[in-house]
Protein backbone atom coordinates (compact mmCIF):
# COMPACT_ATOMS: atom_id res chain seq x y z
CA MET A 1 -16.98 -36.40 6.45
CA PHE A 2 -14.13 -34.04 5.61
CA ARG A 3 -11.75 -34.37 2.71
CA ASN A 4 -8.15 -33.87 3.76
CA SER A 5 -5.19 -34.84 1.57
CA ALA A 6 -7.24 -37.37 -0.39
CA LYS A 7 -8.21 -39.19 2.84
CA MET A 8 -11.60 -39.23 4.46
CA THR A 9 -11.57 -38.13 8.08
CA THR A 10 -14.33 -37.73 10.58
CA LYS A 11 -15.62 -34.31 11.33
CA ILE A 12 -17.56 -33.55 14.45
CA THR A 13 -21.13 -32.49 13.73
CA VAL A 14 -22.74 -29.69 15.69
CA ASP A 15 -25.14 -32.00 17.55
CA LYS A 16 -22.20 -34.18 18.71
CA LEU A 17 -20.16 -31.23 20.00
CA LYS A 18 -22.08 -31.37 23.30
CA GLU A 19 -21.36 -35.06 23.81
CA VAL A 20 -17.82 -35.59 22.50
CA ASP A 21 -14.46 -34.56 23.90
CA VAL A 22 -13.36 -32.01 21.30
CA THR A 23 -9.97 -31.21 22.76
CA ASN A 24 -8.28 -33.52 20.24
CA SER A 25 -9.87 -31.77 17.23
CA CYS A 26 -8.99 -29.03 14.79
CA ARG A 27 -10.22 -25.69 16.12
CA ILE A 28 -11.00 -24.52 12.58
CA CYS A 29 -12.61 -27.41 10.68
CA LYS A 30 -13.56 -29.70 13.63
CA CYS A 31 -11.85 -32.75 12.14
CA ARG A 32 -10.68 -35.16 14.81
CA GLY A 33 -7.21 -36.36 15.41
CA ASN A 34 -7.35 -40.10 15.89
CA ASP A 35 -5.18 -43.00 16.84
CA ASP A 36 -5.62 -44.82 13.52
CA LEU A 37 -2.15 -44.38 12.01
CA GLN A 38 -3.39 -45.00 8.47
CA ASN A 39 -6.03 -42.26 8.51
CA ARG A 40 -4.35 -40.11 11.09
CA VAL A 41 -5.01 -36.40 10.94
CA LYS A 42 -1.94 -34.51 12.02
CA LEU A 43 -2.78 -31.81 14.50
CA ARG A 44 -0.45 -28.95 15.35
CA PRO A 45 -0.61 -26.92 18.59
CA LEU A 46 -2.61 -23.75 18.13
CA PHE A 47 -1.36 -21.93 21.21
CA ASN A 48 2.33 -22.77 20.93
CA GLY A 49 3.46 -19.15 21.07
CA ARG A 50 1.34 -16.27 19.78
CA ARG A 51 2.33 -16.29 16.11
CA LEU A 52 -0.43 -18.56 14.81
CA THR A 53 -3.22 -16.89 16.78
CA ARG A 54 -1.94 -13.51 15.58
CA ILE A 55 -1.99 -14.74 11.97
CA ILE A 56 -5.58 -15.91 12.44
CA ALA A 57 -6.60 -12.61 14.04
CA ASN A 58 -4.92 -10.53 11.31
CA THR A 59 -6.06 -12.70 8.41
CA ILE A 60 -9.66 -13.59 9.20
CA HIS A 61 -10.29 -11.09 12.01
CA ILE A 62 -11.28 -13.67 14.59
CA GLU A 63 -9.56 -13.70 17.95
CA ILE A 64 -9.09 -17.23 19.23
CA LYS A 65 -8.62 -17.66 22.97
CA ASP A 66 -7.30 -20.67 24.81
CA LEU A 67 -10.42 -21.66 26.73
CA PRO A 68 -10.72 -24.89 28.74
CA GLY A 69 -12.63 -27.63 26.93
CA LEU A 70 -12.10 -26.17 23.43
CA PRO A 71 -9.69 -27.62 20.88
CA ARG A 72 -6.10 -26.44 21.20
CA PHE A 73 -5.00 -27.71 17.79
CA VAL A 74 -5.22 -26.98 14.09
CA CYS A 75 -4.93 -29.67 11.42
CA GLU A 76 -2.27 -29.50 8.72
CA HIS A 77 -4.90 -28.92 6.02
CA CYS A 78 -6.33 -25.85 7.79
CA LEU A 79 -2.83 -24.66 8.65
CA LYS A 80 -1.86 -24.84 4.98
CA LEU A 81 -5.04 -22.96 3.95
CA LEU A 82 -4.43 -20.35 6.61
CA LYS A 83 -0.84 -19.83 5.51
CA THR A 84 -1.92 -19.59 1.86
CA PHE A 85 -4.63 -17.09 2.69
CA SER A 86 -2.29 -15.10 4.91
CA VAL A 87 0.32 -14.86 2.14
CA PHE A 88 -2.44 -13.92 -0.32
CA GLN A 89 -3.67 -11.17 2.00
CA VAL A 90 -0.17 -9.78 2.59
CA ASP A 91 0.55 -9.82 -1.16
CA PHE A 92 -2.75 -8.09 -1.86
CA ARG A 93 -2.07 -5.39 0.74
CA ARG A 94 1.44 -4.81 -0.64
CA SER A 95 0.12 -4.56 -4.19
CA GLU A 96 -2.56 -2.12 -3.07
CA GLU A 97 0.06 0.03 -1.35
CA ASP A 98 2.35 -0.14 -4.39
CA PHE A 99 -0.49 0.98 -6.66
CA LYS A 100 -1.41 3.84 -4.32
CA MET A 101 2.21 4.98 -4.13
CA ALA A 102 2.52 4.81 -7.93
CA LEU A 103 -0.67 6.84 -8.28
CA GLU A 104 0.64 9.45 -5.83
CA ALA A 105 3.97 9.56 -7.67
CA ARG A 106 2.10 10.00 -10.95
CA LYS A 107 0.06 12.86 -9.44
CA HIS A 108 3.24 14.51 -8.18
CA SER A 109 4.88 13.95 -11.55
CA HIS A 110 1.98 15.67 -13.32
CA MET A 111 2.06 18.44 -10.74
CA ASP A 112 5.82 18.83 -11.16
CA ALA A 113 5.36 19.05 -14.93
CA LEU A 114 2.67 21.71 -14.48
CA ILE A 115 4.87 23.68 -12.10
CA GLU A 116 7.80 23.44 -14.50
CA PHE A 117 5.57 24.57 -17.40
CA SER A 118 4.23 27.46 -15.32
CA ASN A 119 7.77 28.47 -14.33
CA SER A 120 8.91 28.42 -17.97
CA ILE A 121 5.98 30.67 -18.94
CA GLU A 122 6.87 33.05 -16.11
CA MET A 123 10.50 33.06 -17.24
CA GLU A 124 9.44 33.82 -20.82
CA LYS A 125 7.25 36.68 -19.58
CA GLN A 126 10.13 38.01 -17.47
CA LEU A 127 12.52 37.75 -20.44
CA ASP A 128 9.98 39.53 -22.66
CA ASN A 129 9.54 42.28 -20.04
CA ASP A 130 13.33 42.58 -19.67
CA GLN A 131 13.69 42.95 -23.44
CA LYS A 132 10.94 45.61 -23.54
CA ASN A 133 12.56 47.45 -20.63
CA ALA A 134 15.95 47.24 -22.33
CA ALA A 135 14.41 48.64 -25.54
CA LEU A 136 12.81 51.50 -23.57
CA VAL A 137 16.09 52.29 -21.84
CA THR A 138 17.94 52.14 -25.18
CA ASN A 139 15.39 54.47 -26.80
CA PHE A 140 15.56 56.81 -23.82
CA LEU A 141 19.34 56.89 -23.99
CA LYS A 142 19.27 57.52 -27.73
CA LYS A 143 16.84 60.41 -27.30
CA SER A 144 18.84 61.74 -24.39
CA HIS A 145 22.04 61.50 -26.41
CA LYS A 146 20.47 63.33 -29.35
CA LYS A 147 19.39 66.18 -27.08
CA THR A 148 22.86 66.58 -25.62
CA ASN A 149 24.62 66.36 -29.02
CA LYS A 150 22.41 68.93 -30.80
CA PRO A 151 24.39 71.57 -32.63
CA LYS A 152 24.44 74.77 -30.69
CA SER A 153 22.38 77.44 -32.20
CA THR A 154 23.98 80.75 -33.15
CA LEU A 155 22.09 82.51 -30.45
CA ASP A 156 23.79 80.39 -27.86
CA ASN A 157 27.20 81.67 -29.05
CA ASP A 158 26.54 85.30 -28.29
């Protein structure tokens, strides 16, 4: 027996699969669609376009082919579970990608901060070197100026 929307429905057992026409069954859970309107299991076409088979292949990694003699339907309960799981999987993949991108951005942010810090140190070194060079040039000019402005000795006047 299979529980589906608070109703009990028949599910084909493995030993009966050889004997029973399964074409009017759910391809996923094996529950049977029946003619009893009160306990009717609603079956939806599985191969009506490629969207549903693609969702199954991408979600649970099983490729379902339309083979003669096999069920061509999926019940509403399995369809709902499949959709829920598919949405869950897509959300999980998106979250994983978002976290990876945030981690990469954080790495780049730390790297940018390190580069900026390194550049500021280099700029400070350059400024310090420029100041030292300016002091050397100033001292050189002062010494040079003193040599040129020395009073002339009396010997030089003769």
